[in-house]
Amino acid sequence: MSKWVLAVLGIMWAGVVVAAPEQVVLDAENMTCPACSITIEKALEKVSGVTDTQVDTEAGTVTVTFDSERTSIPAIADAVTNAGFAAKARTNGD
């Protein structure tokens, strides 16, 4: 426990700010089977900064948690599109 407290204090002392992860929901076309979700997950594993991926083939959505300092929404959408599933980020309120 004391090592953890010292680590937190060290980070605070150094002035390092840890960014909270962001999340984006993409609408992805042509997802028809469980293999599609595996393909998308593998493509997103290669994107630096992506920390979690949830694929819903029935809804046609991909929810991605990521570090915005290491990647961007367009880069994430491009990775899904390049995997064969045209993807577009939902805007607020969609």
PDB file of N, CA and C in Angstrom:
ATOM      1  N   MET A   1       0.828  -1.189   0.000  1.00  0.00           N
ATOM      2  CA  MET A   1       0.000   0.000   0.000  1.00  0.00           C
ATOM      3  C   MET A   1       0.871   1.251   0.000  1.00  0.00           C
ATOM      4  N   SER A   2       1.923   1.247   0.804  1.00  0.00           N
ATOM      5  CA  SER A   2       2.769   2.432   0.882  1.00  0.00           C
ATOM      6  C   SER A   2       3.498   2.687  -0.435  1.00  0.00           C
ATOM      7  N   LYS A   3       3.832   1.637  -1.184  1.00  0.00           N
ATOM      8  CA  LYS A   3       4.468   1.815  -2.487  1.00  0.00           C
ATOM      9  C   LYS A   3       3.509   2.508  -3.452  1.00  0.00           C
ATOM     10  N   TRP A   4       2.250   2.137  -3.372  1.00  0.00           N
ATOM     11  CA  TRP A   4       1.240   2.743  -4.238  1.00  0.00           C
ATOM     12  C   TRP A   4       1.090   4.223  -3.908  1.00  0.00           C
ATOM     13  N   VAL A   5       1.037   4.557  -2.625  1.00  0.00           N
ATOM     14  CA  VAL A   5       0.901   5.954  -2.202  1.00  0.00           C
ATOM     15  C   VAL A   5       2.124   6.747  -2.647  1.00  0.00           C
ATOM     16  N   LEU A   6       3.297   6.172  -2.494  1.00  0.00           N
ATOM     17  CA  LEU A   6       4.515   6.853  -2.930  1.00  0.00           C
ATOM     18  C   LEU A   6       4.520   7.075  -4.443  1.00  0.00           C
ATOM     19  N   ALA A   7       4.028   6.103  -5.188  1.00  0.00           N
ATOM     20  CA  ALA A   7       3.968   6.247  -6.640  1.00  0.00           C
ATOM     21  C   ALA A   7       3.024   7.382  -7.032  1.00  0.00           C
ATOM     22  N   VAL A   8       1.877   7.439  -6.398  1.00  0.00           N
ATOM     23  CA  VAL A   8       0.918   8.513  -6.690  1.00  0.00           C
ATOM     24  C   VAL A   8       1.514   9.865  -6.333  1.00  0.00           C
ATOM     25  N   LEU A   9       2.144   9.950  -5.193  1.00  0.00           N
ATOM     26  CA  LEU A   9       2.759  11.208  -4.778  1.00  0.00           C
ATOM     27  C   LEU A   9       3.880  11.606  -5.737  1.00  0.00           C
ATOM     28  N   GLY A  10       4.630  10.627  -6.204  1.00  0.00           N
ATOM     29  CA  GLY A  10       5.703  10.904  -7.157  1.00  0.00           C
ATOM     30  C   GLY A  10       5.165  11.457  -8.460  1.00  0.00           C
ATOM     31  N   ILE A  11       4.077  10.903  -8.935  1.00  0.00           N
ATOM     32  CA  ILE A  11       3.460  11.392 -10.169  1.00  0.00           C
ATOM     33  C   ILE A  11       2.940  12.804  -9.965  1.00  0.00           C
ATOM     34  N   MET A  12       2.294  13.035  -8.852  1.00  0.00           N
ATOM     35  CA  MET A  12       1.760  14.369  -8.571  1.00  0.00           C
ATOM     36  C   MET A  12       2.896  15.379  -8.455  1.00  0.00           C
ATOM     37  N   TRP A  13       3.963  14.988  -7.790  1.00  0.00           N
ATOM     38  CA  TRP A  13       5.110  15.869  -7.606  1.00  0.00           C
ATOM     39  C   TRP A  13       5.751  16.215  -8.940  1.00  0.00           C
ATOM     40  N   ALA A  14       5.807  15.247  -9.830  1.00  0.00           N
ATOM     41  CA  ALA A  14       6.441  15.466 -11.127  1.00  0.00           C
ATOM     42  C   ALA A  14       5.566  16.301 -12.057  1.00  0.00           C
ATOM     43  N   GLY A  15       4.337  16.512 -11.667  1.00  0.00           N
ATOM     44  CA  GLY A  15       3.437  17.320 -12.489  1.00  0.00           C
ATOM     45  C   GLY A  15       2.878  16.574 -13.676  1.00  0.00           C
ATOM     46  N   VAL A  16       2.947  15.266 -13.646  1.00  0.00           N
ATOM     47  CA  VAL A  16       2.430  14.458 -14.730  1.00  0.00           C
ATOM     48  C   VAL A  16       0.918  14.335 -14.570  1.00  0.00           C
ATOM     49  N   VAL A  17       0.220  14.653 -15.621  1.00  0.00           N
ATOM     50  CA  VAL A  17      -1.233  14.538 -15.601  1.00  0.00           C
ATOM     51  C   VAL A  17      -1.604  13.302 -16.410  1.00  0.00           C
ATOM     52  N   VAL A  18      -2.346  12.417 -15.790  1.00  0.00           N
ATOM     53  CA  VAL A  18      -2.796  11.217 -16.467  1.00  0.00           C
ATOM     54  C   VAL A  18      -4.169  11.512 -17.058  1.00  0.00           C
ATOM     55  N   ALA A  19      -4.263  11.441 -18.368  1.00  0.00           N
ATOM     56  CA  ALA A  19      -5.519  11.748 -19.041  1.00  0.00           C
ATOM     57  C   ALA A  19      -6.520  10.624 -18.820  1.00  0.00           C
ATOM     58  N   ALA A  20      -7.744  11.011 -18.584  1.00  0.00           N
ATOM     59  CA  ALA A  20      -8.813  10.028 -18.449  1.00  0.00           C
ATOM     60  C   ALA A  20      -9.083   9.421 -19.825  1.00  0.00           C
ATOM     61  N   PRO A  21      -9.362   8.128 -19.877  1.00  0.00           N
ATOM     62  CA  PRO A  21      -9.638   7.521 -21.176  1.00  0.00           C
ATOM     63  C   PRO A  21     -10.924   8.087 -21.775  1.00  0.00           C
ATOM     64  N   GLU A  22     -10.937   8.163 -23.085  1.00  0.00           N
ATOM     65  CA  GLU A  22     -12.119   8.622 -23.803  1.00  0.00           C
ATOM     66  C   GLU A  22     -12.787   7.429 -24.458  1.00  0.00           C
ATOM     67  N   GLN A  23     -14.028   7.633 -24.885  1.00  0.00           N
ATOM     68  CA  GLN A  23     -14.772   6.550 -25.521  1.00  0.00           C
ATOM     69  C   GLN A  23     -15.502   7.100 -26.746  1.00  0.00           C
ATOM     70  N   VAL A  24     -15.540   6.300 -27.789  1.00  0.00           N
ATOM     71  CA  VAL A  24     -16.264   6.667 -29.005  1.00  0.00           C
ATOM     72  C   VAL A  24     -17.091   5.463 -29.452  1.00  0.00           C
ATOM     73  N   VAL A  25     -18.260   5.766 -30.002  1.00  0.00           N
ATOM     74  CA  VAL A  25     -19.104   4.729 -30.590  1.00  0.00           C
ATOM     75  C   VAL A  25     -19.098   4.949 -32.092  1.00  0.00           C
ATOM     76  N   LEU A  26     -18.736   3.897 -32.813  1.00  0.00           N
ATOM     77  CA  LEU A  26     -18.706   3.940 -34.271  1.00  0.00           C
ATOM     78  C   LEU A  26     -19.856   3.116 -34.827  1.00  0.00           C
ATOM     79  N   ASP A  27     -20.475   3.614 -35.882  1.00  0.00           N
ATOM     80  CA  ASP A  27     -21.407   2.802 -36.656  1.00  0.00           C
ATOM     81  C   ASP A  27     -20.565   2.131 -37.729  1.00  0.00           C
ATOM     82  N   ALA A  28     -20.647   0.802 -37.801  1.00  0.00           N
ATOM     83  CA  ALA A  28     -19.838   0.052 -38.761  1.00  0.00           C
ATOM     84  C   ALA A  28     -20.756  -0.775 -39.652  1.00  0.00           C
ATOM     85  N   GLU A  29     -20.476  -0.746 -40.939  1.00  0.00           N
ATOM     86  CA  GLU A  29     -21.301  -1.458 -41.915  1.00  0.00           C
ATOM     87  C   GLU A  29     -20.781  -2.870 -42.158  1.00  0.00           C
ATOM     88  N   ASN A  30     -21.663  -3.720 -42.618  1.00  0.00           N
ATOM     89  CA  ASN A  30     -21.339  -5.060 -43.116  1.00  0.00           C
ATOM     90  C   ASN A  30     -20.896  -6.056 -42.050  1.00  0.00           C
ATOM     91  N   MET A  31     -21.215  -5.822 -40.794  1.00  0.00           N
ATOM     92  CA  MET A  31     -20.894  -6.812 -39.763  1.00  0.00           C
ATOM     93  C   MET A  31     -22.016  -7.850 -39.746  1.00  0.00           C
ATOM     94  N   THR A  32     -21.670  -9.091 -40.075  1.00  0.00           N
ATOM     95  CA  THR A  32     -22.703 -10.108 -40.228  1.00  0.00           C
ATOM     96  C   THR A  32     -22.521 -11.331 -39.339  1.00  0.00           C
ATOM     97  N   CYS A  33     -21.337 -11.495 -38.749  1.00  0.00           N
ATOM     98  CA  CYS A  33     -21.097 -12.720 -37.994  1.00  0.00           C
ATOM     99  C   CYS A  33     -20.051 -12.487 -36.903  1.00  0.00           C
ATOM    100  N   PRO A  34     -19.877 -13.468 -36.014  1.00  0.00           N
ATOM    101  CA  PRO A  34     -18.875 -13.313 -34.950  1.00  0.00           C
ATOM    102  C   PRO A  34     -17.449 -13.115 -35.467  1.00  0.00           C
ATOM    103  N   ALA A  35     -17.136 -13.640 -36.638  1.00  0.00           N
ATOM    104  CA  ALA A  35     -15.791 -13.453 -37.198  1.00  0.00           C
ATOM    105  C   ALA A  35     -15.532 -11.979 -37.503  1.00  0.00           C
ATOM    106  N   CYS A  36     -16.586 -11.240 -37.811  1.00  0.00           N
ATOM    107  CA  CYS A  36     -16.432  -9.798 -38.071  1.00  0.00           C
ATOM    108  C   CYS A  36     -15.904  -9.099 -36.830  1.00  0.00           C
ATOM    109  N   SER A  37     -16.449  -9.444 -35.676  1.00  0.00           N
ATOM    110  CA  SER A  37     -15.998  -8.791 -34.445  1.00  0.00           C
ATOM    111  C   SER A  37     -14.542  -9.135 -34.148  1.00  0.00           C
ATOM    112  N   ILE A  38     -14.134 -10.349 -34.448  1.00  0.00           N
ATOM    113  CA  ILE A  38     -12.743 -10.740 -34.237  1.00  0.00           C
ATOM    114  C   ILE A  38     -11.825  -9.936 -35.154  1.00  0.00           C
ATOM    115  N   THR A  39     -12.226  -9.760 -36.399  1.00  0.00           N
ATOM    116  CA  THR A  39     -11.436  -8.990 -37.356  1.00  0.00           C
ATOM    117  C   THR A  39     -11.277  -7.552 -36.885  1.00  0.00           C
ATOM    118  N   ILE A  40     -12.366  -6.948 -36.416  1.00  0.00           N
ATOM    119  CA  ILE A  40     -12.325  -5.569 -35.941  1.00  0.00           C
ATOM    120  C   ILE A  40     -11.459  -5.453 -34.697  1.00  0.00           C
ATOM    121  N   GLU A  41     -11.629  -6.373 -33.764  1.00  0.00           N
ATOM    122  CA  GLU A  41     -10.821  -6.343 -32.538  1.00  0.00           C
ATOM    123  C   GLU A  41      -9.340  -6.452 -32.856  1.00  0.00           C
ATOM    124  N   LYS A  42      -8.969  -7.332 -33.773  1.00  0.00           N
ATOM    125  CA  LYS A  42      -7.561  -7.476 -34.149  1.00  0.00           C
ATOM    126  C   LYS A  42      -7.027  -6.212 -34.813  1.00  0.00           C
ATOM    127  N   ALA A  43      -7.844  -5.573 -35.641  1.00  0.00           N
ATOM    128  CA  ALA A  43      -7.407  -4.330 -36.288  1.00  0.00           C
ATOM    129  C   ALA A  43      -7.180  -3.241 -35.252  1.00  0.00           C
ATOM    130  N   LEU A  44      -8.060  -3.160 -34.255  1.00  0.00           N
ATOM    131  CA  LEU A  44      -7.927  -2.115 -33.245  1.00  0.00           C
ATOM    132  C   LEU A  44      -6.819  -2.399 -32.234  1.00  0.00           C
ATOM    133  N   GLU A  45      -6.437  -3.666 -32.079  1.00  0.00           N
ATOM    134  CA  GLU A  45      -5.295  -4.005 -31.210  1.00  0.00           C
ATOM    135  C   GLU A  45      -4.012  -3.361 -31.735  1.00  0.00           C
ATOM    136  N   LYS A  46      -3.956  -3.100 -33.026  1.00  0.00           N
ATOM    137  CA  LYS A  46      -2.766  -2.525 -33.648  1.00  0.00           C
ATOM    138  C   LYS A  46      -2.710  -1.006 -33.533  1.00  0.00           C
ATOM    139  N   VAL A  47      -3.799  -0.388 -33.068  1.00  0.00           N
ATOM    140  CA  VAL A  47      -3.850   1.065 -32.935  1.00  0.00           C
ATOM    141  C   VAL A  47      -3.340   1.445 -31.550  1.00  0.00           C
ATOM    142  N   SER A  48      -2.230   2.149 -31.513  1.00  0.00           N
ATOM    143  CA  SER A  48      -1.637   2.571 -30.252  1.00  0.00           C
ATOM    144  C   SER A  48      -2.611   3.469 -29.498  1.00  0.00           C
ATOM    145  N   GLY A  49      -2.839   3.158 -28.228  1.00  0.00           N
ATOM    146  CA  GLY A  49      -3.723   3.969 -27.401  1.00  0.00           C
ATOM    147  C   GLY A  49      -5.100   3.388 -27.198  1.00  0.00           C
ATOM    148  N   VAL A  50      -5.487   2.395 -28.001  1.00  0.00           N
ATOM    149  CA  VAL A  50      -6.782   1.738 -27.805  1.00  0.00           C
ATOM    150  C   VAL A  50      -6.652   0.781 -26.632  1.00  0.00           C
ATOM    151  N   THR A  51      -7.548   0.942 -25.642  1.00  0.00           N
ATOM    152  CA  THR A  51      -7.459   0.125 -24.437  1.00  0.00           C
ATOM    153  C   THR A  51      -8.584  -0.891 -24.297  1.00  0.00           C
ATOM    154  N   ASP A  52      -9.701  -0.673 -24.996  1.00  0.00           N
ATOM    155  CA  ASP A  52     -10.810  -1.624 -24.908  1.00  0.00           C
ATOM    156  C   ASP A  52     -11.680  -1.484 -26.144  1.00  0.00           C
ATOM    157  N   THR A  53     -12.227  -2.617 -26.594  1.00  0.00           N
ATOM    158  CA  THR A  53     -13.094  -2.634 -27.763  1.00  0.00           C
ATOM    159  C   THR A  53     -14.281  -3.539 -27.482  1.00  0.00           C
ATOM    160  N   GLN A  54     -15.478  -3.037 -27.793  1.00  0.00           N
ATOM    161  CA  GLN A  54     -16.692  -3.848 -27.672  1.00  0.00           C
ATOM    162  C   GLN A  54     -17.439  -3.761 -28.996  1.00  0.00           C
ATOM    163  N   VAL A  55     -17.634  -4.917 -29.625  1.00  0.00           N
ATOM    164  CA  VAL A  55     -18.297  -4.972 -30.921  1.00  0.00           C
ATOM    165  C   VAL A  55     -19.681  -5.578 -30.734  1.00  0.00           C
ATOM    166  N   ASP A  56     -20.697  -4.896 -31.262  1.00  0.00           N
ATOM    167  CA  ASP A  56     -22.070  -5.395 -31.230  1.00  0.00           C
ATOM    168  C   ASP A  56     -22.511  -5.560 -32.684  1.00  0.00           C
ATOM    169  N   THR A  57     -22.429  -6.798 -33.187  1.00  0.00           N
ATOM    170  CA  THR A  57     -22.746  -7.034 -34.600  1.00  0.00           C
ATOM    171  C   THR A  57     -24.222  -6.812 -34.891  1.00  0.00           C
ATOM    172  N   GLU A  58     -25.088  -7.093 -33.941  1.00  0.00           N
ATOM    173  CA  GLU A  58     -26.528  -6.894 -34.165  1.00  0.00           C
ATOM    174  C   GLU A  58     -26.871  -5.416 -34.300  1.00  0.00           C
ATOM    175  N   ALA A  59     -26.272  -4.582 -33.462  1.00  0.00           N
ATOM    176  CA  ALA A  59     -26.533  -3.137 -33.523  1.00  0.00           C
ATOM    177  C   ALA A  59     -25.673  -2.438 -34.569  1.00  0.00           C
ATOM    178  N   GLY A  60     -24.627  -3.118 -35.017  1.00  0.00           N
ATOM    179  CA  GLY A  60     -23.721  -2.514 -35.995  1.00  0.00           C
ATOM    180  C   GLY A  60     -22.847  -1.425 -35.395  1.00  0.00           C
ATOM    181  N   THR A  61     -22.463  -1.624 -34.122  1.00  0.00           N
ATOM    182  CA  THR A  61     -21.654  -0.609 -33.455  1.00  0.00           C
ATOM    183  C   THR A  61     -20.354  -1.192 -32.912  1.00  0.00           C
ATOM    184  N   VAL A  62     -19.386  -0.307 -32.806  1.00  0.00           N
ATOM    185  CA  VAL A  62     -18.105  -0.635 -32.184  1.00  0.00           C
ATOM    186  C   VAL A  62     -17.845   0.459 -31.158  1.00  0.00           C
ATOM    187  N   THR A  63     -17.712   0.072 -29.891  1.00  0.00           N
ATOM    188  CA  THR A  63     -17.416   1.028 -28.828  1.00  0.00           C
ATOM    189  C   THR A  63     -15.949   0.864 -28.462  1.00  0.00           C
ATOM    190  N   VAL A  64     -15.217   1.970 -28.524  1.00  0.00           N
ATOM    191  CA  VAL A  64     -13.772   1.916 -28.317  1.00  0.00           C
ATOM    192  C   VAL A  64     -13.380   2.877 -27.203  1.00  0.00           C
ATOM    193  N   THR A  65     -12.621   2.372 -26.247  1.00  0.00           N
ATOM    194  CA  THR A  65     -12.035   3.193 -25.202  1.00  0.00           C
ATOM    195  C   THR A  65     -10.577   3.411 -25.586  1.00  0.00           C
ATOM    196  N   PHE A  66     -10.125   4.676 -25.481  1.00  0.00           N
ATOM    197  CA  PHE A  66      -8.779   4.985 -25.971  1.00  0.00           C
ATOM    198  C   PHE A  66      -8.174   6.170 -25.232  1.00  0.00           C
ATOM    199  N   ASP A  67      -6.863   6.302 -25.387  1.00  0.00           N
ATOM    200  CA  ASP A  67      -6.092   7.416 -24.842  1.00  0.00           C
ATOM    201  C   ASP A  67      -5.948   8.447 -25.958  1.00  0.00           C
ATOM    202  N   SER A  68      -6.582   9.606 -25.783  1.00  0.00           N
ATOM    203  CA  SER A  68      -6.597  10.620 -26.840  1.00  0.00           C
ATOM    204  C   SER A  68      -5.230  11.266 -27.071  1.00  0.00           C
ATOM    205  N   GLU A  69      -4.291  11.021 -26.183  1.00  0.00           N
ATOM    206  CA  GLU A  69      -2.940  11.540 -26.400  1.00  0.00           C
ATOM    207  C   GLU A  69      -2.130  10.619 -27.311  1.00  0.00           C
ATOM    208  N   ARG A  70      -2.628   9.415 -27.523  1.00  0.00           N
ATOM    209  CA  ARG A  70      -1.893   8.443 -28.336  1.00  0.00           C
ATOM    210  C   ARG A  70      -2.577   8.110 -29.657  1.00  0.00           C
ATOM    211  N   THR A  71      -3.872   8.388 -29.757  1.00  0.00           N
ATOM    212  CA  THR A  71      -4.595   8.128 -31.008  1.00  0.00           C
ATOM    213  C   THR A  71      -5.775   9.076 -31.110  1.00  0.00           C
ATOM    214  N   SER A  72      -6.486   8.990 -32.218  1.00  0.00           N
ATOM    215  CA  SER A  72      -7.610   9.891 -32.458  1.00  0.00           C
ATOM    216  C   SER A  72      -8.805   9.105 -32.989  1.00  0.00           C
ATOM    217  N   ILE A  73      -9.962   9.750 -32.952  1.00  0.00           N
ATOM    218  CA  ILE A  73     -11.171   9.106 -33.468  1.00  0.00           C
ATOM    219  C   ILE A  73     -11.029   8.798 -34.966  1.00  0.00           C
ATOM    220  N   PRO A  74     -10.519   9.725 -35.779  1.00  0.00           N
ATOM    221  CA  PRO A  74     -10.340   9.377 -37.201  1.00  0.00           C
ATOM    222  C   PRO A  74      -9.410   8.171 -37.415  1.00  0.00           C
ATOM    223  N   ALA A  75      -8.359   8.047 -36.611  1.00  0.00           N
ATOM    224  CA  ALA A  75      -7.448   6.905 -36.744  1.00  0.00           C
ATOM    225  C   ALA A  75      -8.157   5.603 -36.381  1.00  0.00           C
ATOM    226  N   ILE A  76      -9.012   5.654 -35.381  1.00  0.00           N
ATOM    227  CA  ILE A  76      -9.771   4.469 -34.968  1.00  0.00           C
ATOM    228  C   ILE A  76     -10.764   4.081 -36.062  1.00  0.00           C
ATOM    229  N   ALA A  77     -11.491   5.075 -36.580  1.00  0.00           N
ATOM    230  CA  ALA A  77     -12.458   4.809 -37.658  1.00  0.00           C
ATOM    231  C   ALA A  77     -11.748   4.271 -38.900  1.00  0.00           C
ATOM    232  N   ASP A  78     -10.583   4.810 -39.210  1.00  0.00           N
ATOM    233  CA  ASP A  78      -9.815   4.327 -40.369  1.00  0.00           C
ATOM    234  C   ASP A  78      -9.409   2.866 -40.190  1.00  0.00           C
ATOM    235  N   ALA A  79      -9.008   2.488 -38.982  1.00  0.00           N
ATOM    236  CA  ALA A  79      -8.598   1.098 -38.733  1.00  0.00           C
ATOM    237  C   ALA A  79      -9.763   0.144 -38.961  1.00  0.00           C
ATOM    238  N   VAL A  80     -10.946   0.515 -38.515  1.00  0.00           N
ATOM    239  CA  VAL A  80     -12.130  -0.334 -38.712  1.00  0.00           C
ATOM    240  C   VAL A  80     -12.498  -0.369 -40.196  1.00  0.00           C
ATOM    241  N   THR A  81     -12.457   0.781 -40.847  1.00  0.00           N
ATOM    242  CA  THR A  81     -12.774   0.854 -42.280  1.00  0.00           C
ATOM    243  C   THR A  81     -11.782   0.028 -43.090  1.00  0.00           C
ATOM    244  N   ASN A  82     -10.494   0.136 -42.783  1.00  0.00           N
ATOM    245  CA  ASN A  82      -9.466  -0.619 -43.502  1.00  0.00           C
ATOM    246  C   ASN A  82      -9.570  -2.124 -43.262  1.00  0.00           C
ATOM    247  N   ALA A  83     -10.239  -2.514 -42.167  1.00  0.00           N
ATOM    248  CA  ALA A  83     -10.469  -3.928 -41.892  1.00  0.00           C
ATOM    249  C   ALA A  83     -11.654  -4.467 -42.706  1.00  0.00           C
ATOM    250  N   GLY A  84     -12.344  -3.562 -43.418  1.00  0.00           N
ATOM    251  CA  GLY A  84     -13.432  -3.999 -44.290  1.00  0.00           C
ATOM    252  C   GLY A  84     -14.820  -3.606 -43.832  1.00  0.00           C
ATOM    253  N   PHE A  85     -14.896  -2.751 -42.827  1.00  0.00           N
ATOM    254  CA  PHE A  85     -16.188  -2.364 -42.269  1.00  0.00           C
ATOM    255  C   PHE A  85     -16.267  -0.841 -42.198  1.00  0.00           C
ATOM    256  N   ALA A  86     -16.845  -0.230 -43.222  1.00  0.00           N
ATOM    257  CA  ALA A  86     -16.919   1.229 -43.287  1.00  0.00           C
ATOM    258  C   ALA A  86     -17.464   1.768 -41.958  1.00  0.00           C
ATOM    259  N   ALA A  87     -16.681   2.627 -41.304  1.00  0.00           N
ATOM    260  CA  ALA A  87     -17.032   3.089 -39.968  1.00  0.00           C
ATOM    261  C   ALA A  87     -17.084   4.597 -39.908  1.00  0.00           C
ATOM    262  N   LYS A  88     -18.033   5.088 -39.114  1.00  0.00           N
ATOM    263  CA  LYS A  88     -18.184   6.520 -38.896  1.00  0.00           C
ATOM    264  C   LYS A  88     -18.535   6.725 -37.435  1.00  0.00           C
ATOM    265  N   ALA A  89     -17.865   7.695 -36.813  1.00  0.00           N
ATOM    266  CA  ALA A  89     -18.113   7.994 -35.410  1.00  0.00           C
ATOM    267  C   ALA A  89     -19.473   8.643 -35.262  1.00  0.00           C
ATOM    268  N   ARG A  90     -20.177   8.253 -34.212  1.00  0.00           N
ATOM    269  CA  ARG A  90     -21.437   8.906 -33.872  1.00  0.00           C
ATOM    270  C   ARG A  90     -21.130  10.257 -33.243  1.00  0.00           C
ATOM    271  N   THR A  91     -21.963  11.224 -33.544  1.00  0.00           N
ATOM    272  CA  THR A  91     -21.831  12.513 -32.912  1.00  0.00           C
ATOM    273  C   THR A  91     -22.712  12.528 -31.674  1.00  0.00           C
ATOM    274  N   ASN A  92     -22.527  13.485 -30.797  1.00  0.00           N
ATOM    275  CA  ASN A  92     -23.352  13.587 -29.588  1.00  0.00           C
ATOM    276  C   ASN A  92     -24.817  13.647 -29.974  1.00  0.00           C
ATOM    277  N   GLY A  93     -25.611  12.870 -29.261  1.00  0.00           N
ATOM    278  CA  GLY A  93     -27.042  12.871 -29.500  1.00  0.00           C
ATOM    279  C   GLY A  93     -27.503  11.821 -30.494  1.00  0.00           C
ATOM    280  N   ASP A  94     -26.571  11.100 -31.148  1.00  0.00           N
ATOM    281  CA  ASP A  94     -26.976  10.050 -32.098  1.00  0.00           C
ATOM    282  C   ASP A  94     -27.356   8.787 -31.386  1.00  0.00           C
TER     283      ASP A  94
END
